[in-house]
N, C-alpha and C. Protein backbone atom coordinates (compact mmCIF):
# COMPACT_ATOMS: atom_id res chain seq x y z
N UNK A 1 -3.45 -29.79 -0.52
CA UNK A 1 -2.24 -28.66 -0.21
C UNK A 1 -2.24 -27.15 -0.95
N UNK A 2 -1.44 -25.87 -0.34
CA UNK A 2 -1.66 -24.79 -0.75
C UNK A 2 -0.12 -24.19 0.59
N UNK A 3 0.26 -23.31 -0.33
CA UNK A 3 1.38 -23.08 0.57
C UNK A 3 1.76 -21.51 -0.10
N UNK A 4 3.08 -20.33 0.04
CA UNK A 4 3.38 -19.29 -0.06
C UNK A 4 5.50 -19.67 -0.21
N UNK A 5 5.46 -18.37 -1.06
CA UNK A 5 7.04 -18.13 -0.76
C UNK A 5 7.18 -17.29 0.02
N UNK A 6 8.49 -17.39 0.05
CA UNK A 6 8.65 -16.18 1.27
C UNK A 6 9.27 -14.43 0.14
N UNK A 7 8.64 -14.13 1.00
CA UNK A 7 9.22 -12.54 0.36
C UNK A 7 10.96 -11.80 0.67
N UNK A 8 11.25 -11.01 -0.54
CA UNK A 8 12.25 -10.67 -0.13
C UNK A 8 13.11 -9.73 1.35
N UNK A 9 13.45 -10.94 2.71
CA UNK A 9 13.26 -10.48 3.62
C UNK A 9 14.71 -9.04 4.43
N UNK A 10 15.03 -9.19 2.74
CA UNK A 10 16.11 -8.16 2.77
C UNK A 10 15.81 -7.04 2.63
N UNK A 11 14.61 -6.59 2.62
CA UNK A 11 14.01 -5.40 2.75
C UNK A 11 13.92 -4.82 4.63
N UNK A 12 12.84 -6.02 4.44
CA UNK A 12 12.01 -5.80 6.04
C UNK A 12 13.00 -5.84 6.59
N UNK A 13 13.43 -6.83 6.44
CA UNK A 13 14.81 -7.38 7.81
C UNK A 13 16.76 -6.99 7.18
N UNK A 14 17.48 -6.07 6.95
CA UNK A 14 18.77 -5.61 6.31
C UNK A 14 19.64 -6.43 6.83
N UNK A 15 19.36 -7.43 7.89
CA UNK A 15 20.72 -8.07 8.75
C UNK A 15 20.64 -9.26 7.87
N UNK A 16 19.37 -10.13 7.03
CA UNK A 16 19.50 -10.80 6.56
C UNK A 16 19.49 -11.01 5.01
N UNK A 17 20.64 -9.97 4.53
CA UNK A 17 21.15 -9.95 3.23
C UNK A 17 22.12 -11.19 2.85
N UNK A 18 23.20 -11.27 4.52
CA UNK A 18 23.68 -12.64 3.71
C UNK A 18 22.86 -13.63 3.64
N UNK A 19 21.72 -14.13 3.77
CA UNK A 19 20.64 -15.39 4.35
C UNK A 19 19.61 -15.27 2.61
N UNK A 20 19.93 -14.20 2.06
CA UNK A 20 18.88 -14.44 0.98
C UNK A 20 18.83 -14.98 -0.03
N UNK A 21 20.29 -15.84 -0.39
CA UNK A 21 20.41 -17.12 -1.41
C UNK A 21 20.09 -17.93 -1.28
N UNK A 22 19.66 -18.48 0.44
CA UNK A 22 19.57 -19.76 1.02
C UNK A 22 17.55 -19.13 0.70
N UNK A 23 17.28 -17.99 0.99
CA UNK A 23 15.72 -17.84 0.96
C UNK A 23 14.78 -17.61 -0.79
N UNK A 24 15.64 -17.42 -1.69
CA UNK A 24 15.45 -17.41 -3.46
C UNK A 24 15.56 -19.24 -3.08
N UNK A 25 16.31 -19.84 -2.62
CA UNK A 25 16.47 -21.43 -2.80
C UNK A 25 15.51 -21.81 -2.15
N UNK A 26 15.21 -21.44 -1.10
CA UNK A 26 14.05 -22.14 -0.57
C UNK A 26 12.59 -22.31 -1.28
N UNK A 27 12.52 -20.72 -2.00
CA UNK A 27 11.28 -21.23 -2.42
C UNK A 27 11.24 -21.40 -4.26
N UNK A 28 12.64 -21.79 -4.27
CA UNK A 28 12.89 -22.45 -5.75
C UNK A 28 11.91 -24.16 -5.77
N UNK A 29 12.30 -24.09 -4.34
CA UNK A 29 12.36 -26.08 -4.09
C UNK A 29 10.72 -26.44 -3.52
N UNK A 30 10.35 -24.70 -3.38
CA UNK A 30 8.52 -24.67 -2.80
C UNK A 30 8.64 -25.15 -3.91
N UNK A 31 8.96 -24.29 -5.37
CA UNK A 31 7.83 -24.09 -6.29
C UNK A 31 7.83 -25.76 -6.86
N UNK A 32 9.51 -25.67 -7.26
CA UNK A 32 9.70 -27.58 -8.14
C UNK A 32 8.31 -28.46 -6.95
N UNK A 33 8.45 -28.45 -5.69
CA UNK A 33 7.84 -29.42 -5.53
C UNK A 33 6.71 -29.35 -5.62
N UNK A 34 5.50 -28.29 -4.95
CA UNK A 34 4.62 -27.50 -6.00
C UNK A 34 4.35 -28.02 -6.90
N UNK A 35 5.29 -27.85 -7.91
CA UNK A 35 5.13 -28.19 -9.90
C UNK A 35 4.89 -29.75 -9.34
N UNK A 36 6.23 -30.17 -9.11
CA UNK A 36 5.95 -31.72 -8.90
C UNK A 36 4.97 -32.64 -7.83
N UNK A 37 4.49 -32.02 -7.27
CA UNK A 37 3.07 -32.75 -6.41
C UNK A 37 1.84 -31.95 -6.52
N UNK A 38 1.58 -31.03 -7.34
CA UNK A 38 0.51 -30.13 -7.66
C UNK A 38 -0.13 -29.39 -6.52
N UNK A 39 0.26 -29.67 -5.87
CA UNK A 39 0.43 -28.69 -4.39
C UNK A 39 0.56 -26.71 -4.99
N UNK A 40 -0.40 -26.46 -4.60
CA UNK A 40 -1.03 -24.86 -5.40
C UNK A 40 0.49 -24.34 -4.01
N UNK A 41 0.26 -23.52 -5.45
CA UNK A 41 1.43 -22.59 -3.84
C UNK A 41 1.11 -21.09 -4.79
N UNK A 42 1.24 -19.72 -3.71
CA UNK A 42 0.98 -18.33 -4.10
C UNK A 42 2.83 -17.98 -4.10
N UNK A 43 3.02 -17.29 -5.26
CA UNK A 43 4.04 -16.32 -5.45
C UNK A 43 4.23 -15.43 -4.55
N UNK A 44 3.94 -14.94 -3.60
CA UNK A 44 4.22 -14.02 -2.91
C UNK A 44 5.46 -12.69 -3.18
N UNK A 45 6.78 -14.03 -3.67
CA UNK A 45 8.38 -13.13 -3.66
C UNK A 45 7.68 -12.79 -4.45
N UNK A 46 7.14 -12.39 -6.07
CA UNK A 46 7.46 -12.16 -7.29
C UNK A 46 6.74 -10.88 -6.73
N UNK A 47 5.58 -10.50 -5.88
CA UNK A 47 5.01 -8.78 -5.58
C UNK A 47 5.39 -8.57 -4.50
N UNK A 48 6.28 -7.00 -5.52
CA UNK A 48 7.25 -6.44 -4.33
C UNK A 48 5.77 -5.90 -3.28
N UNK A 49 5.14 -5.97 -2.65
CA UNK A 49 4.03 -5.70 -1.02
C UNK A 49 4.09 -6.99 -0.37
N UNK A 50 4.84 -8.71 -0.90
CA UNK A 50 4.85 -9.06 0.52
C UNK A 50 6.38 -8.43 1.12
N UNK A 51 7.42 -7.12 0.83
CA UNK A 51 8.55 -7.47 1.06
C UNK A 51 8.03 -5.75 2.31
N UNK A 52 6.81 -5.32 2.11
CA UNK A 52 6.74 -3.99 2.26
C UNK A 52 5.99 -4.33 3.93
N UNK A 53 7.49 -2.99 4.65
CA UNK A 53 7.49 -3.27 5.48
C UNK A 53 6.40 -3.65 7.10
N UNK A 54 5.41 -2.48 6.45
CA UNK A 54 3.70 -1.99 7.19
C UNK A 54 3.10 -3.61 7.01
N UNK A 55 3.71 -4.61 6.62
CA UNK A 55 3.19 -6.00 7.00
C UNK A 55 3.15 -6.18 7.91
N UNK A 56 4.77 -6.55 8.21
CA UNK A 56 5.62 -7.02 9.27
C UNK A 56 5.07 -6.74 10.52
N UNK A 57 5.94 -6.77 11.83
CA UNK A 57 5.41 -7.07 12.65
C UNK A 57 6.45 -6.18 13.04
N UNK A 58 6.70 -5.89 14.62
CA UNK A 58 8.58 -5.48 15.67
C UNK A 58 9.58 -5.67 15.20
N UNK A 59 9.25 -7.50 15.40
CA UNK A 59 10.06 -8.34 14.79
C UNK A 59 10.86 -8.26 13.58
N UNK A 60 9.97 -8.37 13.19
CA UNK A 60 10.42 -8.26 11.23
C UNK A 60 10.29 -9.50 11.26
N UNK A 61 9.70 -10.99 11.97
CA UNK A 61 9.89 -11.88 11.07
C UNK A 61 9.12 -12.44 11.30
N UNK A 62 7.68 -12.52 11.24
CA UNK A 62 6.31 -12.68 10.92
C UNK A 62 5.42 -11.29 10.74
N UNK A 63 5.44 -11.64 10.06
CA UNK A 63 3.66 -10.59 10.33
C UNK A 63 2.35 -10.27 10.66
N UNK A 64 2.73 -8.80 11.15
CA UNK A 64 0.94 -8.31 10.84
C UNK A 64 -0.54 -9.07 10.93
N UNK A 65 -1.35 -8.28 11.45
CA UNK A 65 -2.85 -8.58 11.60
C UNK A 65 -2.63 -7.94 10.10
N UNK A 66 -2.37 -6.44 9.72
CA UNK A 66 -2.16 -6.30 7.60
C UNK A 66 -1.61 -7.52 7.66
N UNK A 67 -0.35 -7.99 7.38
CA UNK A 67 -0.40 -8.88 6.68
C UNK A 67 -0.42 -10.27 5.99
N UNK A 68 -1.43 -10.85 7.38
CA UNK A 68 -1.97 -11.99 7.68
C UNK A 68 -2.94 -11.55 6.84
N UNK A 69 -3.80 -11.02 6.52
CA UNK A 69 -4.82 -9.80 5.85
C UNK A 69 -4.23 -10.31 4.96
N UNK A 70 -3.30 -9.72 3.95
CA UNK A 70 -3.00 -9.74 2.83
C UNK A 70 -2.31 -11.52 2.11
N UNK A 71 -2.55 -11.97 3.14
CA UNK A 71 -1.47 -13.86 3.02
C UNK A 71 -2.20 -14.23 2.95
N UNK A 72 -3.87 -14.29 3.56
CA UNK A 72 -4.98 -14.80 3.58
C UNK A 72 -4.95 -14.48 2.67
N UNK A 73 -5.65 -12.75 1.86
CA UNK A 73 -5.83 -13.23 1.20
C UNK A 73 -5.48 -13.79 -0.91
N UNK A 74 -3.82 -14.07 -0.34
CA UNK A 74 -3.70 -14.46 -1.10
C UNK A 74 -3.96 -16.32 -1.51
N UNK A 75 -4.05 -16.32 -0.39
CA UNK A 75 -3.96 -18.21 -0.02
C UNK A 75 -5.51 -18.39 -0.74
N UNK A 76 -7.02 -18.06 -0.26
CA UNK A 76 -7.90 -17.63 -0.72
C UNK A 76 -8.07 -17.96 -2.65
N UNK A 77 -6.81 -16.32 -2.94
CA UNK A 77 -7.26 -16.03 -4.46
C UNK A 77 -6.64 -17.80 -5.22
N UNK A 78 -5.61 -17.98 -4.36
CA UNK A 78 -4.64 -19.37 -4.94
C UNK A 78 -5.79 -20.51 -4.75
N UNK A 79 -6.54 -20.36 -3.84
CA UNK A 79 -7.72 -21.26 -3.60
C UNK A 79 -8.77 -21.42 -5.02
N UNK A 80 -8.64 -20.20 -6.03
CA UNK A 80 -9.85 -19.93 -6.73
C UNK A 80 -11.08 -19.90 -5.50
N UNK A 81 -11.80 -19.63 -4.27
CA UNK A 81 -12.74 -19.34 -4.00
C UNK A 81 -13.28 -18.28 -4.61
N UNK A 82 -14.92 -18.08 -4.20
CA UNK A 82 -15.45 -17.71 -4.70
C UNK A 82 -15.32 -15.90 -4.80
N UNK A 83 -15.25 -15.05 -5.10
CA UNK A 83 -15.14 -13.40 -4.69
C UNK A 83 -13.61 -13.34 -4.23
N UNK A 84 -12.73 -13.64 -4.94
CA UNK A 84 -11.66 -13.21 -4.74
C UNK A 84 -10.50 -13.12 -5.79
N UNK A 85 -9.85 -12.14 -5.88
CA UNK A 85 -9.21 -11.50 -6.55
C UNK A 85 -7.97 -11.43 -6.78
N UNK A 86 -6.93 -10.78 -7.62
CA UNK A 86 -5.39 -10.35 -6.75
C UNK A 86 -5.15 -9.00 -6.32
N UNK A 87 -6.44 -8.66 -5.43
CA UNK A 87 -6.09 -7.15 -5.57
C UNK A 87 -4.84 -7.39 -3.55
N UNK A 88 -4.67 -8.79 -3.36
CA UNK A 88 -4.17 -8.51 -2.58
C UNK A 88 -2.28 -9.07 -2.68
N UNK A 89 -2.01 -8.62 -4.47
CA UNK A 89 -0.64 -8.33 -4.64
C UNK A 89 -0.53 -6.98 -5.07
N UNK A 90 -1.51 -6.31 -4.84
CA UNK A 90 -1.11 -4.26 -5.11
C UNK A 90 -0.36 -4.12 -4.49
N UNK A 91 0.82 -2.97 -4.54
CA UNK A 91 1.36 -2.21 -3.56
C UNK A 91 0.01 -1.10 -1.96
N UNK A 92 0.27 -1.42 -1.40
CA UNK A 92 0.04 -0.76 -0.35
C UNK A 92 -0.24 1.02 -0.64
N UNK A 93 -1.24 0.97 -1.05
CA UNK A 93 -1.98 2.81 -1.36
C UNK A 93 -1.00 3.75 -1.46
N UNK A 94 -0.29 4.09 -0.84
CA UNK A 94 0.89 5.30 -0.47
C UNK A 94 1.85 4.66 0.03
N UNK A 95 3.34 4.85 -1.25
CA UNK A 95 4.57 5.05 -0.52
C UNK A 95 4.77 4.69 0.98
N UNK A 96 5.65 3.46 1.44
CA UNK A 96 6.57 3.84 2.08
C UNK A 96 8.17 4.78 2.29
N UNK A 97 7.97 5.22 2.78
CA UNK A 97 9.61 5.85 3.15
C UNK A 97 9.82 6.40 4.12
N UNK A 98 11.22 6.57 5.17
CA UNK A 98 11.18 6.45 6.44
C UNK A 98 13.10 7.25 6.29
N UNK A 99 13.19 8.46 6.51
CA UNK A 99 13.73 9.25 6.48
C UNK A 99 15.40 8.61 7.10
N UNK A 100 16.82 8.65 6.75
CA UNK A 100 18.15 7.74 7.22
C UNK A 100 18.12 7.18 8.47
N UNK A 101 18.11 8.25 9.68
CA UNK A 101 18.08 8.29 10.25
C UNK A 101 16.91 7.79 11.36
N UNK A 102 16.00 7.46 11.00
CA UNK A 102 14.53 7.15 11.02
C UNK A 102 14.95 6.27 11.59
N UNK A 103 15.14 4.98 10.01
CA UNK A 103 15.95 3.75 9.72
C UNK A 103 16.97 3.55 10.20
N UNK A 104 17.93 4.38 10.89
CA UNK A 104 19.23 3.87 11.86
C UNK A 104 18.46 3.20 12.68
N UNK A 105 17.40 4.51 13.50
CA UNK A 105 17.34 4.35 14.93
C UNK A 105 16.52 3.26 15.11
N UNK A 106 15.83 2.84 13.70
CA UNK A 106 14.44 1.08 14.07
C UNK A 106 15.38 0.35 13.58
N UNK A 107 16.35 0.76 12.51
CA UNK A 107 17.69 -0.57 13.04
C UNK A 107 17.74 -1.26 14.20
N UNK A 108 18.81 0.04 15.43
CA UNK A 108 19.26 0.00 16.44
C UNK A 108 18.42 -0.54 17.64
N UNK A 109 16.89 -0.31 17.27
CA UNK A 109 15.75 -0.93 18.47
C UNK A 109 16.48 -1.98 18.53
N UNK A 110 16.08 -2.58 16.71
CA UNK A 110 15.35 -3.60 16.97
C UNK A 110 16.32 -5.23 16.91
N UNK A 111 17.71 -4.68 17.03
CA UNK A 111 18.80 -5.46 17.20
C UNK A 111 19.27 -5.36 18.51
N UNK A 112 18.54 -4.49 19.26
CA UNK A 112 18.71 -4.22 20.39
C UNK A 112 17.63 -5.19 21.88
N UNK A 113 16.08 -4.93 20.82
CA UNK A 113 15.03 -6.25 21.26
C UNK A 113 15.00 -7.03 21.01
N UNK A 114 15.78 -7.60 19.77
CA UNK A 114 15.10 -8.87 18.99
C UNK A 114 16.63 -9.32 19.44
N UNK A 115 17.94 -9.18 17.81
CA UNK A 115 18.58 -9.63 18.03
C UNK A 115 19.74 -9.66 18.11
N UNK A 116 20.06 -9.13 19.56
CA UNK A 116 21.33 -9.39 20.53
C UNK A 116 20.27 -10.44 21.33
N UNK A 117 19.40 -10.37 22.11
CA UNK A 117 19.06 -11.62 22.88
C UNK A 117 19.04 -12.83 22.13
N UNK A 118 17.94 -12.30 20.87
CA UNK A 118 18.37 -13.86 20.38
C UNK A 118 19.76 -14.68 20.25
N UNK A 119 20.71 -13.84 19.74
CA UNK A 119 21.82 -14.01 19.95
C UNK A 119 23.13 -15.17 21.09
N UNK A 120 22.01 -14.11 21.98
CA UNK A 120 22.61 -14.04 23.77
C UNK A 120 21.94 -15.57 24.38
N UNK A 121 20.89 -16.52 23.81
CA UNK A 121 20.29 -16.91 23.98
C UNK A 121 20.84 -18.33 23.17
N UNK A 122 21.06 -18.04 21.47
CA UNK A 122 21.48 -18.83 20.54
C UNK A 122 23.13 -19.49 21.24
N UNK A 123 24.21 -18.70 21.86
CA UNK A 123 24.75 -18.85 22.68
C UNK A 123 24.92 -19.91 23.54
N UNK A 124 23.90 -19.47 24.45
CA UNK A 124 24.03 -20.56 26.09
C UNK A 124 22.71 -22.10 25.42
N UNK A 125 23.44 -22.04 23.81
CA UNK A 125 22.44 -22.55 23.77
C UNK A 125 20.90 -23.41 24.21
N UNK A 126 19.90 -22.25 23.50
CA UNK A 126 18.63 -22.02 24.43
C UNK A 126 17.71 -21.54 22.89
N UNK A 127 16.69 -21.65 23.84
CA UNK A 127 15.61 -20.92 22.40
C UNK A 127 14.59 -20.12 23.16
N UNK A 128 14.56 -19.13 22.73
CA UNK A 128 13.50 -18.42 22.25
C UNK A 128 11.57 -19.25 23.86
N UNK A 129 11.41 -20.79 22.97
CA UNK A 129 10.31 -21.00 23.31
C UNK A 129 10.75 -22.04 25.08
N UNK A 130 11.93 -21.70 25.26
CA UNK A 130 12.20 -22.92 26.19
C UNK A 130 11.31 -22.47 27.57
N UNK A 131 10.80 -23.45 28.76
CA UNK A 131 10.89 -22.82 29.51
C UNK A 131 8.99 -22.30 29.82
N UNK A 132 8.64 -22.07 28.26
CA UNK A 132 7.09 -21.31 28.06
C UNK A 132 5.84 -22.47 27.89
N UNK A 133 4.86 -22.44 28.26
CA UNK A 133 3.79 -23.51 28.14
C UNK A 133 3.42 -22.73 26.70
N UNK A 134 2.21 -23.16 26.73
CA UNK A 134 1.55 -23.20 24.72
C UNK A 134 0.35 -21.62 25.57
N UNK A 135 0.39 -20.55 24.53
CA UNK A 135 -0.86 -19.93 25.21
C UNK A 135 -1.97 -20.21 24.79
N UNK A 136 -3.33 -21.48 24.28
CA UNK A 136 -4.04 -22.03 24.55
C UNK A 136 -3.66 -23.45 24.84
N UNK A 137 -3.77 -23.78 25.79
CA UNK A 137 -3.24 -24.96 26.36
C UNK A 137 -4.86 -25.80 26.04
N UNK A 138 -5.71 -25.22 25.81
CA UNK A 138 -6.86 -26.57 25.48
C UNK A 138 -7.74 -25.71 24.30
N UNK A 139 -8.33 -26.51 23.69
CA UNK A 139 -9.37 -26.33 22.74
C UNK A 139 -9.75 -24.74 23.18
N UNK A 140 -10.54 -24.31 22.47
CA UNK A 140 -11.07 -23.02 22.91
C UNK A 140 -12.35 -22.54 21.01
N UNK A 141 -13.72 -22.55 21.88
CA UNK A 141 -14.16 -21.94 20.45
C UNK A 141 -14.36 -20.92 20.03
N UNK A 142 -13.87 -20.55 18.61
CA UNK A 142 -13.88 -18.70 18.51
C UNK A 142 -15.15 -18.25 17.63
N UNK A 143 -15.82 -17.67 17.68
CA UNK A 143 -17.06 -17.04 17.06
C UNK A 143 -15.91 -16.27 15.78
N UNK A 144 -16.91 -16.63 15.21
CA UNK A 144 -16.78 -16.09 13.57
C UNK A 144 -17.93 -15.11 12.74
């Protein structure tokens, strides 16, 4: 079994600061479970690249394509697959920055588009998956 720790989400998702302790506790539990079970654990949380906002989708909860590429590279390295190295952990070439105004506007857009709808669903006892079918209801052949 292989898994990875969660990065500091409060950088990507400022509203997550109150749960930062829970994320650290989860990472600690994952580390202990991996140590006691022999599972391979890639500690993405140790590397600043994991919390680079450019690796996260607009919902700030899921990795985007580039983020999934980095996670896959990290897991392949963790498995010791040929041709892998620790380059997945290196920071992106250029530093990421945004003005205070742009940061505030982005936060307001995210809260309006993602957080408030989540709160409304939660308040009514609903889930974002309610009344939704699977994206792919049957097996599909994938060309590689």
